[in-house]
């Protein structure tokens, strides 16, 4: 998020980008929290593809915070690997947007 803030301050990305990352991070955190609650209650879970999709679109900072604060999805290795792939992909897309845009 700090990188996005700096890029917006420097005029490298539109200001709405900061809001987009913040909003998607909030959605990610709440979705991870709902999935954690469902796991505890034995209720229907949020598909991992949904969590990864939100992360990929820019919600990964909120997903990262949720994983640590809620201690959710921190030990399952396949999930962790895909999570970090979504982070790298999102950052690469942002970098491409800055360079091309």
Protein backbone atom coordinates (compact mmCIF):
# COMPACT_ATOMS: atom_id res chain seq x y z
CA UNK A 1 0.00 0.00 0.00
CA UNK A 2 2.87 2.37 0.76
CA UNK A 3 4.19 1.88 -2.76
CA UNK A 4 0.78 2.69 -4.25
CA UNK A 5 0.53 5.81 -2.07
CA UNK A 6 3.97 6.99 -3.22
CA UNK A 7 3.14 6.27 -6.87
CA UNK A 8 -0.10 8.26 -6.55
CA UNK A 9 1.69 11.12 -4.81
CA UNK A 10 4.24 11.23 -7.64
CA UNK A 11 1.45 11.18 -10.22
CA UNK A 12 2.52 7.82 -11.64
CA UNK A 13 -0.90 6.24 -11.02
CA UNK A 14 -4.33 7.85 -10.74
CA UNK A 15 -5.47 8.70 -7.21
CA UNK A 16 -8.36 6.23 -7.52
CA UNK A 17 -5.76 3.45 -7.51
CA UNK A 18 -5.14 4.07 -3.81
CA UNK A 19 -8.86 3.87 -3.10
CA UNK A 20 -9.16 0.73 -5.19
CA UNK A 21 -6.40 -1.04 -3.30
CA UNK A 22 -7.83 0.12 0.02
CA UNK A 23 -11.36 -1.01 -0.87
CA UNK A 24 -10.24 -4.38 -2.19
CA UNK A 25 -8.03 -4.86 0.86
CA UNK A 26 -11.06 -4.24 3.06
CA UNK A 27 -13.09 -6.73 1.04
CA UNK A 28 -10.27 -9.27 1.28
CA UNK A 29 -9.95 -8.86 5.05
CA UNK A 30 -13.69 -9.26 5.57
CA UNK A 31 -13.83 -12.27 3.24
CA UNK A 32 -10.96 -13.98 5.05
CA UNK A 33 -12.68 -13.20 8.36
CA UNK A 34 -15.96 -14.69 7.14
CA UNK A 35 -14.14 -17.80 5.92
CA UNK A 36 -12.39 -18.19 9.26
CA UNK A 37 -15.73 -17.91 11.07
CA UNK A 38 -17.28 -20.47 8.73
CA UNK A 39 -14.36 -22.83 9.34
CA UNK A 40 -14.85 -22.58 13.10
CA UNK A 41 -18.59 -23.21 12.82
CA UNK A 42 -18.33 -25.99 10.25
CA UNK A 43 -20.39 -23.89 7.85
CA UNK A 44 -20.01 -23.45 4.11
CA UNK A 45 -16.58 -21.99 3.32
CA UNK A 46 -15.48 -19.33 0.86
CA UNK A 47 -13.80 -21.00 -2.13
CA UNK A 48 -10.04 -20.48 -2.21
CA UNK A 49 -10.40 -19.28 -5.80
CA UNK A 50 -12.53 -16.40 -4.51
CA UNK A 51 -9.90 -15.43 -1.94
CA UNK A 52 -7.17 -15.62 -4.58
CA UNK A 53 -9.25 -13.63 -7.06
CA UNK A 54 -9.71 -10.78 -4.61
CA UNK A 55 -6.00 -10.90 -3.78
CA UNK A 56 -5.06 -10.86 -7.47
CA UNK A 57 -7.24 -7.82 -8.19
CA UNK A 58 -5.40 -5.80 -5.53
CA UNK A 59 -6.80 -6.95 -2.21
CA UNK A 60 -3.65 -8.84 -1.27
CA UNK A 61 -2.54 -6.29 1.37
CA UNK A 62 -5.79 -6.94 3.26
CA UNK A 63 -5.42 -10.66 2.67
CA UNK A 64 -1.90 -10.56 4.05
CA UNK A 65 -3.02 -8.69 7.16
CA UNK A 66 -5.99 -11.03 7.62
CA UNK A 67 -3.81 -14.12 7.31
CA UNK A 68 -1.58 -12.88 10.11
CA UNK A 69 -4.14 -11.22 12.38
CA UNK A 70 -6.70 -14.01 12.08
CA UNK A 71 -4.11 -16.80 11.74
CA UNK A 72 -6.05 -18.09 8.79
CA UNK A 73 -4.63 -19.88 5.75
CA UNK A 74 -1.11 -19.64 7.17
CA UNK A 75 -0.09 -23.31 7.22
CA UNK A 76 -1.66 -24.74 4.06
CA UNK A 77 1.29 -24.69 1.66
CA UNK A 78 -0.60 -24.78 -1.67
CA UNK A 79 -2.68 -21.78 -0.57
CA UNK A 80 0.41 -19.86 0.55
CA UNK A 81 2.18 -20.50 -2.74
CA UNK A 82 -0.77 -19.35 -4.85
CA UNK A 83 -1.24 -16.34 -2.56
CA UNK A 84 2.32 -15.17 -3.22
CA UNK A 85 1.92 -15.80 -6.94
CA UNK A 86 -1.12 -13.48 -6.89
CA UNK A 87 0.94 -10.84 -5.05
CA UNK A 88 3.74 -11.00 -7.62
CA UNK A 89 1.26 -10.96 -10.51
CA UNK A 90 -0.58 -7.94 -9.08
CA UNK A 91 2.66 -6.05 -8.45
CA UNK A 92 3.87 -6.89 -11.97
CA UNK A 93 0.61 -5.60 -13.43
CA UNK A 94 0.93 -2.39 -11.39
CA UNK A 95 4.53 -1.96 -12.55
CA UNK A 96 3.47 -2.50 -16.18
CA UNK A 97 0.71 0.07 -15.73
CA UNK A 98 3.24 2.58 -14.42
CA UNK A 99 5.79 1.92 -17.17
CA UNK A 100 3.33 1.77 -20.08
CA UNK A 101 0.67 4.10 -18.77
